[in-house]
Amino acid sequence: MEYRKLGWTDLNLTTIGLGTWAIGGGDWSFSWGPQDDKESLATISLAIEKGINWVDTAPAYGLGHSEEIVGKALKHLQRKPIIATKCGITWNKERKTSRQLSGKNIRQEVEASLKRLGVDVIDLYQIHWPDPDSELESAWQQISNTVKEGKVRYAGVCNCSIGQLKRIQPIHPVASLQPPYSMIERGAEDIGLLDYCREHNIGVVVYSPMQKGLLTGKFTRQRIEQLPEDDHRRKDPNFQEPRLSANLDLVENLQELARKRRITASQIAIAWVLRRPEVTAAIVGARRPSQVEETFLAGDLNLSDEDIKAINQIIAGHRKALNRV
């Protein structure tokens, strides 16, 4: 699998990283429904076996459970992957989450993540959401302190705007930005985030390249209706009308192109975000080994100019459809 250097750092990431959001399991506000831990461990093991060299997790995923599962997997892996995790979302005894960026809170989060993961150093530590915005600078200063202490190698951010990046860069160098990016969610390119990161040598690791599964071609209206009650996608506007019809039409057109190429819609969706040179890697979530078997192949898939032209036409039609709703 291809490797790309993460911005100015010495981290060389495979173009696909394993996302562990769904591995966190159910019973929290942004869950993907119940998850079998044995399947999670098998999924992580296979991903590393296939050559993926980094794993993205967060304390919020399953309220600590995703990090715990990653930690269990690490104990049995001969080849240790690069670990990226996050901070800024906490929870109470009732499992209700809230966003906090106080320095004291972040210091506690670092220690808790190190313990759950069973590591001495976190390779990439990221602010999950820049919220509350008023605490962003103080939070970034605290993360800078953890880097100096040797508990974190590199510091990055998720979901930040260009303005927020400009505010924190003088405090400590930003190693990476993690924005959402897919054929359906193109804000990262529309507002110039990718261009800004290229100009300032900030690595970009994008999340949800398959738009939470929509772009896999495996979702129907019936499947969406049958999602578990605690699967947050039931409340996601992209899984509801009026956006759903336009999204399913996009996927149908994408599948037609995939059949011509004898590949899958998932692989095209991942390869499409990786076509941008600013994108270091894509976080591809998986909760079963079979999903890894399919999607890791996209790391070596190069779309032709003809492919990209066809995809751009599909996307243009999708945007027109959304503008009509």
C-alpha atoms as a PDB file:
ATOM      1  CA  MET A   1       0.000   0.000   0.000  1.00  0.00           C
ATOM      2  CA  GLU A   2       1.167   3.526  -0.785  1.00  0.00           C
ATOM      3  CA  TYR A   3       2.633   5.652   2.015  1.00  0.00           C
ATOM      4  CA  ARG A   4       2.395   9.423   2.289  1.00  0.00           C
ATOM      5  CA  LYS A   5       4.240  11.715   4.676  1.00  0.00           C
ATOM      6  CA  LEU A   6       2.018  13.492   7.203  1.00  0.00           C
ATOM      7  CA  GLY A   7       2.767  17.172   6.658  1.00  0.00           C
ATOM      8  CA  TRP A   8       6.041  18.287   8.250  1.00  0.00           C
ATOM      9  CA  THR A   9       6.238  15.280  10.603  1.00  0.00           C
ATOM     10  CA  ASP A  10       8.273  12.086  10.253  1.00  0.00           C
ATOM     11  CA  LEU A  11       5.103   9.944  10.259  1.00  0.00           C
ATOM     12  CA  ASN A  12       4.606   8.039   7.012  1.00  0.00           C
ATOM     13  CA  LEU A  13       1.028   6.832   6.847  1.00  0.00           C
ATOM     14  CA  THR A  14      -0.549   4.278   4.586  1.00  0.00           C
ATOM     15  CA  THR A  15      -3.137   6.035   2.467  1.00  0.00           C
ATOM     16  CA  ILE A  16      -5.823   4.127   4.357  1.00  0.00           C
ATOM     17  CA  GLY A  17      -6.058   4.186   8.137  1.00  0.00           C
ATOM     18  CA  LEU A  18      -8.419   2.018  10.152  1.00  0.00           C
ATOM     19  CA  GLY A  19     -11.256   3.971  11.757  1.00  0.00           C
ATOM     20  CA  THR A  20     -12.682   2.566  14.997  1.00  0.00           C
ATOM     21  CA  TRP A  21     -15.743   4.736  15.598  1.00  0.00           C
ATOM     22  CA  ALA A  22     -18.231   1.861  15.156  1.00  0.00           C
ATOM     23  CA  ILE A  23     -15.982  -0.485  17.141  1.00  0.00           C
ATOM     24  CA  GLY A  24     -16.901   1.561  20.217  1.00  0.00           C
ATOM     25  CA  GLY A  25     -20.259  -0.226  20.265  1.00  0.00           C
ATOM     26  CA  GLY A  26     -23.704   0.969  21.251  1.00  0.00           C
ATOM     27  CA  ASP A  27     -25.453   2.809  24.078  1.00  0.00           C
ATOM     28  CA  TRP A  28     -24.109   6.311  23.528  1.00  0.00           C
ATOM     29  CA  SER A  29     -25.348   9.329  21.602  1.00  0.00           C
ATOM     30  CA  PHE A  30     -23.342   8.786  18.381  1.00  0.00           C
ATOM     31  CA  SER A  31     -23.104   5.006  18.324  1.00  0.00           C
ATOM     32  CA  TRP A  32     -23.424   2.761  15.279  1.00  0.00           C
ATOM     33  CA  GLY A  33     -25.400   0.180  17.217  1.00  0.00           C
ATOM     34  CA  PRO A  34     -24.217  -2.986  19.028  1.00  0.00           C
ATOM     35  CA  GLN A  35     -20.792  -4.410  18.168  1.00  0.00           C
ATOM     36  CA  ASP A  36     -19.120  -7.762  18.836  1.00  0.00           C
ATOM     37  CA  ASP A  37     -15.705  -7.235  20.486  1.00  0.00           C
ATOM     38  CA  LYS A  38     -14.292 -10.452  19.014  1.00  0.00           C
ATOM     39  CA  GLU A  39     -15.108  -9.194  15.524  1.00  0.00           C
ATOM     40  CA  SER A  40     -13.523  -5.850  16.408  1.00  0.00           C
ATOM     41  CA  LEU A  41     -10.274  -7.512  17.462  1.00  0.00           C
ATOM     42  CA  ALA A  42     -10.252  -9.671  14.335  1.00  0.00           C
ATOM     43  CA  THR A  43     -10.863  -6.583  12.201  1.00  0.00           C
ATOM     44  CA  ILE A  44      -7.945  -4.669  13.712  1.00  0.00           C
ATOM     45  CA  SER A  45      -5.658  -7.691  13.388  1.00  0.00           C
ATOM     46  CA  LEU A  46      -6.536  -8.201   9.722  1.00  0.00           C
ATOM     47  CA  ALA A  47      -6.122  -4.513   8.890  1.00  0.00           C
ATOM     48  CA  ILE A  48      -2.555  -4.542  10.199  1.00  0.00           C
ATOM     49  CA  GLU A  49      -1.878  -7.876   8.474  1.00  0.00           C
ATOM     50  CA  LYS A  50      -3.023  -6.361   5.166  1.00  0.00           C
ATOM     51  CA  GLY A  51      -0.502  -3.534   5.546  1.00  0.00           C
ATOM     52  CA  ILE A  52      -2.501  -0.674   7.088  1.00  0.00           C
ATOM     53  CA  ASN A  53      -0.041   1.003   9.456  1.00  0.00           C
ATOM     54  CA  TRP A  54      -2.208   3.321  11.540  1.00  0.00           C
ATOM     55  CA  VAL A  55      -5.378   3.277  13.602  1.00  0.00           C
ATOM     56  CA  ASP A  56      -7.620   6.223  14.446  1.00  0.00           C
ATOM     57  CA  THR A  57      -9.686   6.123  17.621  1.00  0.00           C
ATOM     58  CA  ALA A  58     -11.101   8.469  20.273  1.00  0.00           C
ATOM     59  CA  PRO A  59     -12.254   8.300  23.914  1.00  0.00           C
ATOM     60  CA  ALA A  60     -15.752   9.318  22.795  1.00  0.00           C
ATOM     61  CA  TYR A  61     -16.172   6.201  20.640  1.00  0.00           C
ATOM     62  CA  GLY A  62     -18.132   3.976  22.975  1.00  0.00           C
ATOM     63  CA  LEU A  63     -17.126   6.196  25.911  1.00  0.00           C
ATOM     64  CA  GLY A  64     -13.683   4.674  26.254  1.00  0.00           C
ATOM     65  CA  HIS A  65     -14.528   1.275  24.783  1.00  0.00           C
ATOM     66  CA  SER A  66     -12.954   1.805  21.353  1.00  0.00           C
ATOM     67  CA  GLU A  67      -9.615   2.764  22.931  1.00  0.00           C
ATOM     68  CA  GLU A  68      -9.837  -0.265  25.223  1.00  0.00           C
ATOM     69  CA  ILE A  69     -10.378  -2.606  22.269  1.00  0.00           C
ATOM     70  CA  VAL A  70      -7.501  -1.021  20.360  1.00  0.00           C
ATOM     71  CA  GLY A  71      -5.359  -1.458  23.477  1.00  0.00           C
ATOM     72  CA  LYS A  72      -6.280  -5.159  23.681  1.00  0.00           C
ATOM     73  CA  ALA A  73      -5.404  -5.616  20.024  1.00  0.00           C
ATOM     74  CA  LEU A  74      -2.025  -3.919  20.455  1.00  0.00           C
ATOM     75  CA  LYS A  75      -0.985  -6.493  23.039  1.00  0.00           C
ATOM     76  CA  HIS A  76      -1.148  -9.262  20.441  1.00  0.00           C
ATOM     77  CA  LEU A  77       0.171  -7.458  17.352  1.00  0.00           C
ATOM     78  CA  GLN A  78       3.769  -8.146  16.384  1.00  0.00           C
ATOM     79  CA  ARG A  79       3.850  -5.061  14.181  1.00  0.00           C
ATOM     80  CA  LYS A  80       2.632  -2.061  16.175  1.00  0.00           C
ATOM     81  CA  PRO A  81       0.617   0.522  14.213  1.00  0.00           C
ATOM     82  CA  ILE A  82       0.763   4.275  14.573  1.00  0.00           C
ATOM     83  CA  ILE A  83      -1.989   5.342  16.987  1.00  0.00           C
ATOM     84  CA  ALA A  84      -4.055   8.497  16.617  1.00  0.00           C
ATOM     85  CA  THR A  85      -6.605   9.469  19.232  1.00  0.00           C
ATOM     86  CA  LYS A  86      -8.424  12.584  20.381  1.00  0.00           C
ATOM     87  CA  CYS A  87      -9.651  14.725  23.261  1.00  0.00           C
ATOM     88  CA  GLY A  88     -12.376  17.191  24.098  1.00  0.00           C
ATOM     89  CA  ILE A  89     -15.476  15.007  24.518  1.00  0.00           C
ATOM     90  CA  THR A  90     -16.244  13.738  28.006  1.00  0.00           C
ATOM     91  CA  TRP A  91     -19.187  11.919  29.596  1.00  0.00           C
ATOM     92  CA  ASN A  92     -20.918  11.552  32.937  1.00  0.00           C
ATOM     93  CA  LYS A  93     -22.299   8.578  34.868  1.00  0.00           C
ATOM     94  CA  GLU A  94     -25.493   8.733  32.812  1.00  0.00           C
ATOM     95  CA  ARG A  95     -23.353   8.349  29.631  1.00  0.00           C
ATOM     96  CA  LYS A  96     -24.258  11.822  28.432  1.00  0.00           C
ATOM     97  CA  THR A  97     -21.466  13.469  26.446  1.00  0.00           C
ATOM     98  CA  SER A  98     -20.323  17.077  26.514  1.00  0.00           C
ATOM     99  CA  ARG A  99     -17.538  19.021  24.848  1.00  0.00           C
ATOM    100  CA  GLN A 100     -14.828  20.393  27.104  1.00  0.00           C
ATOM    101  CA  LEU A 101     -11.401  21.850  26.348  1.00  0.00           C
ATOM    102  CA  SER A 102     -10.088  23.008  29.708  1.00  0.00           C
ATOM    103  CA  GLY A 103      -6.412  22.403  30.351  1.00  0.00           C
ATOM    104  CA  LYS A 104      -7.163  20.305  33.438  1.00  0.00           C
ATOM    105  CA  ASN A 105      -9.613  18.147  31.503  1.00  0.00           C
ATOM    106  CA  ILE A 106      -7.169  17.524  28.659  1.00  0.00           C
ATOM    107  CA  ARG A 107      -4.400  16.488  31.017  1.00  0.00           C
ATOM    108  CA  GLN A 108      -6.763  13.937  32.556  1.00  0.00           C
ATOM    109  CA  GLU A 109      -7.826  12.746  29.106  1.00  0.00           C
ATOM    110  CA  VAL A 110      -4.234  12.171  27.993  1.00  0.00           C
ATOM    111  CA  GLU A 111      -3.531   9.999  31.026  1.00  0.00           C
ATOM    112  CA  ALA A 112      -6.776   8.059  30.578  1.00  0.00           C
ATOM    113  CA  SER A 113      -6.082   7.409  26.882  1.00  0.00           C
ATOM    114  CA  LEU A 114      -2.531   6.238  27.583  1.00  0.00           C
ATOM    115  CA  LYS A 115      -3.916   3.779  30.141  1.00  0.00           C
ATOM    116  CA  ARG A 116      -6.739   2.449  27.940  1.00  0.00           C
ATOM    117  CA  LEU A 117      -4.417   2.045  24.954  1.00  0.00           C
ATOM    118  CA  GLY A 118      -1.619   0.561  27.036  1.00  0.00           C
ATOM    119  CA  VAL A 119       1.052   2.753  25.417  1.00  0.00           C
ATOM    120  CA  ASP A 120       3.681   5.123  26.762  1.00  0.00           C
ATOM    121  CA  VAL A 121       3.327   7.671  23.953  1.00  0.00           C
ATOM    122  CA  ILE A 122       0.442   8.661  21.678  1.00  0.00           C
ATOM    123  CA  ASP A 123       1.682   9.195  18.120  1.00  0.00           C
ATOM    124  CA  LEU A 124      -0.940  11.740  17.067  1.00  0.00           C
ATOM    125  CA  TYR A 125      -3.181  13.511  19.591  1.00  0.00           C
ATOM    126  CA  GLN A 126      -6.032  15.601  18.190  1.00  0.00           C
ATOM    127  CA  ILE A 127      -8.645  18.030  19.440  1.00  0.00           C
ATOM    128  CA  HIS A 128     -11.879  16.291  18.446  1.00  0.00           C
ATOM    129  CA  TRP A 129     -14.006  19.428  18.086  1.00  0.00           C
ATOM    130  CA  PRO A 130     -12.928  23.071  18.602  1.00  0.00           C
ATOM    131  CA  ASP A 131     -15.723  23.582  21.096  1.00  0.00           C
ATOM    132  CA  PRO A 132     -15.971  25.666  23.220  1.00  0.00           C
ATOM    133  CA  ASP A 133     -14.154  27.927  20.797  1.00  0.00           C
ATOM    134  CA  SER A 134     -13.137  30.267  23.630  1.00  0.00           C
ATOM    135  CA  GLU A 135     -10.993  27.489  25.153  1.00  0.00           C
ATOM    136  CA  LEU A 136      -9.221  26.501  21.930  1.00  0.00           C
ATOM    137  CA  GLU A 137      -5.948  28.329  22.594  1.00  0.00           C
ATOM    138  CA  SER A 138      -5.622  27.145  26.184  1.00  0.00           C
ATOM    139  CA  ALA A 139      -6.382  23.570  25.111  1.00  0.00           C
ATOM    140  CA  TRP A 140      -3.755  23.736  22.384  1.00  0.00           C
ATOM    141  CA  GLN A 141      -1.216  25.072  24.868  1.00  0.00           C
ATOM    142  CA  GLN A 142      -1.925  22.126  27.172  1.00  0.00           C
ATOM    143  CA  ILE A 143      -1.467  19.669  24.312  1.00  0.00           C
ATOM    144  CA  SER A 144       1.804  21.412  23.456  1.00  0.00           C
ATOM    145  CA  ASN A 145       2.903  20.761  27.036  1.00  0.00           C
ATOM    146  CA  THR A 146       2.168  17.036  26.666  1.00  0.00           C
ATOM    147  CA  VAL A 147       4.356  16.957  23.558  1.00  0.00           C
ATOM    148  CA  LYS A 148       7.210  18.557  25.488  1.00  0.00           C
ATOM    149  CA  GLU A 149       6.696  16.006  28.274  1.00  0.00           C
ATOM    150  CA  GLY A 150       7.043  13.148  25.783  1.00  0.00           C
ATOM    151  CA  LYS A 151       3.521  11.776  26.225  1.00  0.00           C
ATOM    152  CA  VAL A 152       2.474  12.827  22.728  1.00  0.00           C
ATOM    153  CA  ARG A 153       4.605  12.825  19.574  1.00  0.00           C
ATOM    154  CA  TYR A 154       2.558  15.129  17.354  1.00  0.00           C
ATOM    155  CA  ALA A 155      -0.504  17.316  17.858  1.00  0.00           C
ATOM    156  CA  GLY A 156      -3.333  17.774  15.391  1.00  0.00           C
ATOM    157  CA  VAL A 157      -6.911  18.998  15.216  1.00  0.00           C
ATOM    158  CA  CYS A 158     -10.227  17.842  13.780  1.00  0.00           C
ATOM    159  CA  ASN A 159     -13.087  19.892  12.352  1.00  0.00           C
ATOM    160  CA  CYS A 160     -11.242  23.226  12.571  1.00  0.00           C
ATOM    161  CA  SER A 161     -11.676  26.203  10.253  1.00  0.00           C
ATOM    162  CA  ILE A 162      -8.843  28.127   8.608  1.00  0.00           C
ATOM    163  CA  GLY A 163      -9.353  30.915  11.125  1.00  0.00           C
ATOM    164  CA  GLN A 164      -8.978  28.512  14.040  1.00  0.00           C
ATOM    165  CA  LEU A 165      -5.835  27.007  12.520  1.00  0.00           C
ATOM    166  CA  LYS A 166      -4.345  30.491  12.216  1.00  0.00           C
ATOM    167  CA  ARG A 167      -5.054  31.173  15.886  1.00  0.00           C
ATOM    168  CA  ILE A 168      -3.266  28.111  17.238  1.00  0.00           C
ATOM    169  CA  GLN A 169      -0.315  27.804  14.854  1.00  0.00           C
ATOM    170  CA  PRO A 170       1.795  30.423  16.709  1.00  0.00           C
ATOM    171  CA  ILE A 171       1.359  28.432  19.954  1.00  0.00           C
ATOM    172  CA  HIS A 172       2.494  25.061  18.590  1.00  0.00           C
ATOM    173  CA  PRO A 173       2.910  23.658  15.048  1.00  0.00           C
ATOM    174  CA  VAL A 174      -0.177  21.873  13.744  1.00  0.00           C
ATOM    175  CA  ALA A 175       0.799  18.433  12.442  1.00  0.00           C
ATOM    176  CA  SER A 176      -2.522  17.542  10.881  1.00  0.00           C
ATOM    177  CA  LEU A 177      -6.120  18.444  10.235  1.00  0.00           C
ATOM    178  CA  GLN A 178      -8.920  15.866  10.212  1.00  0.00           C
ATOM    179  CA  PRO A 179     -11.954  17.160   8.281  1.00  0.00           C
ATOM    180  CA  PRO A 180     -14.949  15.285   6.856  1.00  0.00           C
ATOM    181  CA  TYR A 181     -14.548  14.787   3.111  1.00  0.00           C
ATOM    182  CA  SER A 182     -16.491  12.740   0.589  1.00  0.00           C
ATOM    183  CA  MET A 183     -18.368  13.091  -2.677  1.00  0.00           C
ATOM    184  CA  ILE A 184     -21.350  14.234  -0.603  1.00  0.00           C
ATOM    185  CA  GLU A 185     -19.451  16.384   1.936  1.00  0.00           C
ATOM    186  CA  ARG A 186     -17.023  18.589  -0.019  1.00  0.00           C
ATOM    187  CA  GLY A 187     -16.636  21.466   2.411  1.00  0.00           C
ATOM    188  CA  ALA A 188     -12.908  20.831   2.863  1.00  0.00           C
ATOM    189  CA  GLU A 189     -12.269  21.788  -0.750  1.00  0.00           C
ATOM    190  CA  ASP A 190     -15.113  24.290  -1.134  1.00  0.00           C
ATOM    191  CA  ILE A 191     -13.838  26.580   1.651  1.00  0.00           C
ATOM    192  CA  GLY A 192     -10.147  26.203   0.831  1.00  0.00           C
ATOM    193  CA  LEU A 193      -9.106  24.007   3.774  1.00  0.00           C
ATOM    194  CA  LEU A 194      -7.131  21.593   1.586  1.00  0.00           C
ATOM    195  CA  ASP A 195      -5.341  24.472  -0.140  1.00  0.00           C
ATOM    196  CA  TYR A 196      -4.466  26.077   3.191  1.00  0.00           C
ATOM    197  CA  CYS A 197      -3.019  22.836   4.552  1.00  0.00           C
ATOM    198  CA  ARG A 198      -0.914  22.384   1.424  1.00  0.00           C
ATOM    199  CA  GLU A 199       0.447  25.917   1.706  1.00  0.00           C
ATOM    200  CA  HIS A 200       1.402  25.396   5.385  1.00  0.00           C
ATOM    201  CA  ASN A 201       2.596  21.788   5.128  1.00  0.00           C
ATOM    202  CA  ILE A 202      -0.153  20.486   7.419  1.00  0.00           C
ATOM    203  CA  GLY A 203      -1.085  16.846   6.896  1.00  0.00           C
ATOM    204  CA  VAL A 204      -4.696  16.025   6.081  1.00  0.00           C
ATOM    205  CA  VAL A 205      -6.412  12.829   7.217  1.00  0.00           C
ATOM    206  CA  VAL A 206     -10.024  12.856   6.077  1.00  0.00           C
ATOM    207  CA  TYR A 207     -12.873  11.026   7.762  1.00  0.00           C
ATOM    208  CA  SER A 208     -16.126   9.546   6.426  1.00  0.00           C
ATOM    209  CA  PRO A 209     -14.952   9.150   2.801  1.00  0.00           C
ATOM    210  CA  MET A 210     -17.842   6.687   2.340  1.00  0.00           C
ATOM    211  CA  GLN A 211     -20.257   9.073   4.093  1.00  0.00           C
ATOM    212  CA  LYS A 212     -21.006   6.695   6.978  1.00  0.00           C
ATOM    213  CA  GLY A 213     -21.643   3.837   4.590  1.00  0.00           C
ATOM    214  CA  LEU A 214     -23.984   5.592   2.142  1.00  0.00           C
ATOM    215  CA  LEU A 215     -21.423   5.512  -0.677  1.00  0.00           C
ATOM    216  CA  THR A 216     -20.822   1.781  -0.349  1.00  0.00           C
ATOM    217  CA  GLY A 217     -23.907   1.036  -2.404  1.00  0.00           C
ATOM    218  CA  LYS A 218     -25.150  -1.305   0.318  1.00  0.00           C
ATOM    219  CA  PHE A 219     -27.848   0.959   1.741  1.00  0.00           C
ATOM    220  CA  THR A 220     -31.485   0.878   0.752  1.00  0.00           C
ATOM    221  CA  ARG A 221     -34.440   2.632   2.315  1.00  0.00           C
ATOM    222  CA  GLN A 222     -35.397  -0.646   3.943  1.00  0.00           C
ATOM    223  CA  ARG A 223     -31.947  -1.144   5.471  1.00  0.00           C
ATOM    224  CA  ILE A 224     -31.990   2.400   6.846  1.00  0.00           C
ATOM    225  CA  GLU A 225     -35.390   1.771   8.437  1.00  0.00           C
ATOM    226  CA  GLN A 226     -33.971  -1.366  10.072  1.00  0.00           C
ATOM    227  CA  LEU A 227     -30.951   0.325  11.647  1.00  0.00           C
ATOM    228  CA  PRO A 228     -30.702  -0.247  15.424  1.00  0.00           C
ATOM    229  CA  GLU A 229     -32.454   2.331  17.565  1.00  0.00           C
ATOM    230  CA  ASP A 230     -29.129   3.575  18.967  1.00  0.00           C
ATOM    231  CA  ASP A 231     -27.493   3.936  15.522  1.00  0.00           C
ATOM    232  CA  HIS A 232     -27.004   7.686  15.159  1.00  0.00           C
ATOM    233  CA  ARG A 233     -27.406   7.501  11.388  1.00  0.00           C
ATOM    234  CA  ARG A 234     -31.160   7.231  11.875  1.00  0.00           C
ATOM    235  CA  LYS A 235     -31.058  10.955  12.738  1.00  0.00           C
ATOM    236  CA  ASP A 236     -28.455  11.976  10.152  1.00  0.00           C
ATOM    237  CA  PRO A 237     -30.012  14.306   7.512  1.00  0.00           C
ATOM    238  CA  ASN A 238     -28.179  12.430   4.742  1.00  0.00           C
ATOM    239  CA  PHE A 239     -30.138   9.293   5.681  1.00  0.00           C
ATOM    240  CA  GLN A 240     -33.455  11.155   5.654  1.00  0.00           C
ATOM    241  CA  GLU A 241     -35.575  12.934   3.091  1.00  0.00           C
ATOM    242  CA  PRO A 242     -35.282  15.217   1.270  1.00  0.00           C
ATOM    243  CA  ARG A 243     -31.535  14.463   0.950  1.00  0.00           C
ATOM    244  CA  LEU A 244     -31.853  10.681   0.903  1.00  0.00           C
ATOM    245  CA  SER A 245     -33.355  10.384  -2.592  1.00  0.00           C
ATOM    246  CA  ALA A 246     -30.613  12.523  -4.112  1.00  0.00           C
ATOM    247  CA  ASN A 247     -27.944  10.555  -2.241  1.00  0.00           C
ATOM    248  CA  LEU A 248     -29.300   7.187  -3.388  1.00  0.00           C
ATOM    249  CA  ASP A 249     -29.397   8.429  -6.996  1.00  0.00           C
ATOM    250  CA  LEU A 250     -25.748   9.457  -6.697  1.00  0.00           C
ATOM    251  CA  VAL A 251     -24.851   6.016  -5.380  1.00  0.00           C
ATOM    252  CA  GLU A 252     -26.733   4.262  -8.178  1.00  0.00           C
ATOM    253  CA  ASN A 253     -24.724   6.213 -10.754  1.00  0.00           C
ATOM    254  CA  LEU A 254     -21.532   5.500  -8.839  1.00  0.00           C
ATOM    255  CA  GLN A 255     -22.270   1.777  -8.842  1.00  0.00           C
ATOM    256  CA  GLU A 256     -22.730   1.813 -12.597  1.00  0.00           C
ATOM    257  CA  LEU A 257     -19.234   3.265 -12.980  1.00  0.00           C
ATOM    258  CA  ALA A 258     -17.873   0.754 -10.472  1.00  0.00           C
ATOM    259  CA  ARG A 259     -19.307  -2.167 -12.444  1.00  0.00           C
ATOM    260  CA  LYS A 260     -17.578  -0.927 -15.589  1.00  0.00           C
ATOM    261  CA  ARG A 261     -14.275  -0.807 -13.701  1.00  0.00           C
ATOM    262  CA  ARG A 262     -14.931  -4.178 -12.007  1.00  0.00           C
ATOM    263  CA  ILE A 263     -14.424  -2.629  -8.602  1.00  0.00           C
ATOM    264  CA  THR A 264     -16.800  -1.523  -5.852  1.00  0.00           C
ATOM    265  CA  ALA A 265     -18.467   1.786  -5.091  1.00  0.00           C
ATOM    266  CA  SER A 266     -16.627   1.835  -1.734  1.00  0.00           C
ATOM    267  CA  GLN A 267     -13.279   1.590  -3.458  1.00  0.00           C
ATOM    268  CA  ILE A 268     -14.135   4.403  -5.864  1.00  0.00           C
ATOM    269  CA  ALA A 269     -15.334   6.624  -3.003  1.00  0.00           C
ATOM    270  CA  ILE A 270     -12.063   6.144  -1.110  1.00  0.00           C
ATOM    271  CA  ALA A 271      -9.851   6.526  -4.171  1.00  0.00           C
ATOM    272  CA  TRP A 272     -11.710   9.727  -5.075  1.00  0.00           C
ATOM    273  CA  VAL A 273     -10.741  11.526  -1.851  1.00  0.00           C
ATOM    274  CA  LEU A 274      -7.165  10.225  -2.179  1.00  0.00           C
ATOM    275  CA  ARG A 275      -6.875  11.764  -5.653  1.00  0.00           C
ATOM    276  CA  ARG A 276      -6.151  15.100  -3.967  1.00  0.00           C
ATOM    277  CA  PRO A 277      -2.415  15.446  -3.256  1.00  0.00           C
ATOM    278  CA  GLU A 278      -3.167  17.423  -0.078  1.00  0.00           C
ATOM    279  CA  VAL A 279      -4.862  14.368   1.432  1.00  0.00           C
ATOM    280  CA  THR A 280      -2.305  12.283   3.285  1.00  0.00           C
ATOM    281  CA  ALA A 281      -4.719   9.463   4.063  1.00  0.00           C
ATOM    282  CA  ALA A 282      -8.358   8.510   4.489  1.00  0.00           C
ATOM    283  CA  ILE A 283      -9.826   7.066   7.675  1.00  0.00           C
ATOM    284  CA  VAL A 284     -11.854   4.053   6.597  1.00  0.00           C
ATOM    285  CA  GLY A 285     -14.053   2.589   9.292  1.00  0.00           C
ATOM    286  CA  ALA A 286     -14.576  -1.156   9.615  1.00  0.00           C
ATOM    287  CA  ARG A 287     -16.291  -3.379  12.146  1.00  0.00           C
ATOM    288  CA  ARG A 288     -15.902  -6.737  10.389  1.00  0.00           C
ATOM    289  CA  PRO A 289     -12.896  -8.383   8.682  1.00  0.00           C
ATOM    290  CA  SER A 290     -14.833  -8.632   5.409  1.00  0.00           C
ATOM    291  CA  GLN A 291     -15.018  -4.839   5.238  1.00  0.00           C
ATOM    292  CA  VAL A 292     -11.242  -4.605   5.516  1.00  0.00           C
ATOM    293  CA  GLU A 293     -10.860  -7.189   2.735  1.00  0.00           C
ATOM    294  CA  GLU A 294     -12.826  -4.920   0.401  1.00  0.00           C
ATOM    295  CA  THR A 295     -11.702  -1.419   1.275  1.00  0.00           C
ATOM    296  CA  PHE A 296      -7.951  -1.804   1.812  1.00  0.00           C
ATOM    297  CA  LEU A 297      -7.595  -2.426  -1.937  1.00  0.00           C
ATOM    298  CA  ALA A 298      -8.585   1.196  -2.556  1.00  0.00           C
ATOM    299  CA  GLY A 299      -5.214   2.304  -1.197  1.00  0.00           C
ATOM    300  CA  ASP A 300      -3.598   1.268  -4.467  1.00  0.00           C
ATOM    301  CA  LEU A 301      -6.425   2.285  -6.792  1.00  0.00           C
ATOM    302  CA  ASN A 302      -5.678   5.137  -9.171  1.00  0.00           C
ATOM    303  CA  LEU A 303      -8.611   6.784 -10.914  1.00  0.00           C
ATOM    304  CA  SER A 304      -8.057   7.795 -14.518  1.00  0.00           C
ATOM    305  CA  ASP A 305      -8.817  11.273 -15.847  1.00  0.00           C
ATOM    306  CA  GLU A 306     -11.830   9.717 -17.551  1.00  0.00           C
ATOM    307  CA  ASP A 307     -12.999   8.239 -14.225  1.00  0.00           C
ATOM    308  CA  ILE A 308     -12.671  11.558 -12.431  1.00  0.00           C
ATOM    309  CA  LYS A 309     -14.518  13.362 -15.212  1.00  0.00           C
ATOM    310  CA  ALA A 310     -17.370  10.857 -14.961  1.00  0.00           C
ATOM    311  CA  ILE A 311     -17.475  11.176 -11.159  1.00  0.00           C
ATOM    312  CA  ASN A 312     -17.503  14.968 -11.354  1.00  0.00           C
ATOM    313  CA  GLN A 313     -20.534  14.780 -13.650  1.00  0.00           C
ATOM    314  CA  ILE A 314     -22.282  12.505 -11.157  1.00  0.00           C
ATOM    315  CA  ILE A 315     -21.480  14.907  -8.318  1.00  0.00           C
ATOM    316  CA  ALA A 316     -22.665  17.918 -10.334  1.00  0.00           C
ATOM    317  CA  GLY A 317     -25.996  16.185 -10.927  1.00  0.00           C
ATOM    318  CA  HIS A 318     -26.243  15.394  -7.219  1.00  0.00           C
ATOM    319  CA  ARG A 319     -25.664  19.013  -6.262  1.00  0.00           C
ATOM    320  CA  LYS A 320     -28.342  20.186  -8.677  1.00  0.00           C
ATOM    321  CA  ALA A 321     -30.773  17.697  -7.181  1.00  0.00           C
ATOM    322  CA  LEU A 322     -30.030  18.954  -3.655  1.00  0.00           C
ATOM    323  CA  ASN A 323     -30.491  22.563  -4.739  1.00  0.00           C
ATOM    324  CA  ARG A 324     -34.018  21.664  -5.831  1.00  0.00           C
ATOM    325  CA  VAL A 325     -35.084  20.273  -2.462  1.00  0.00           C
END
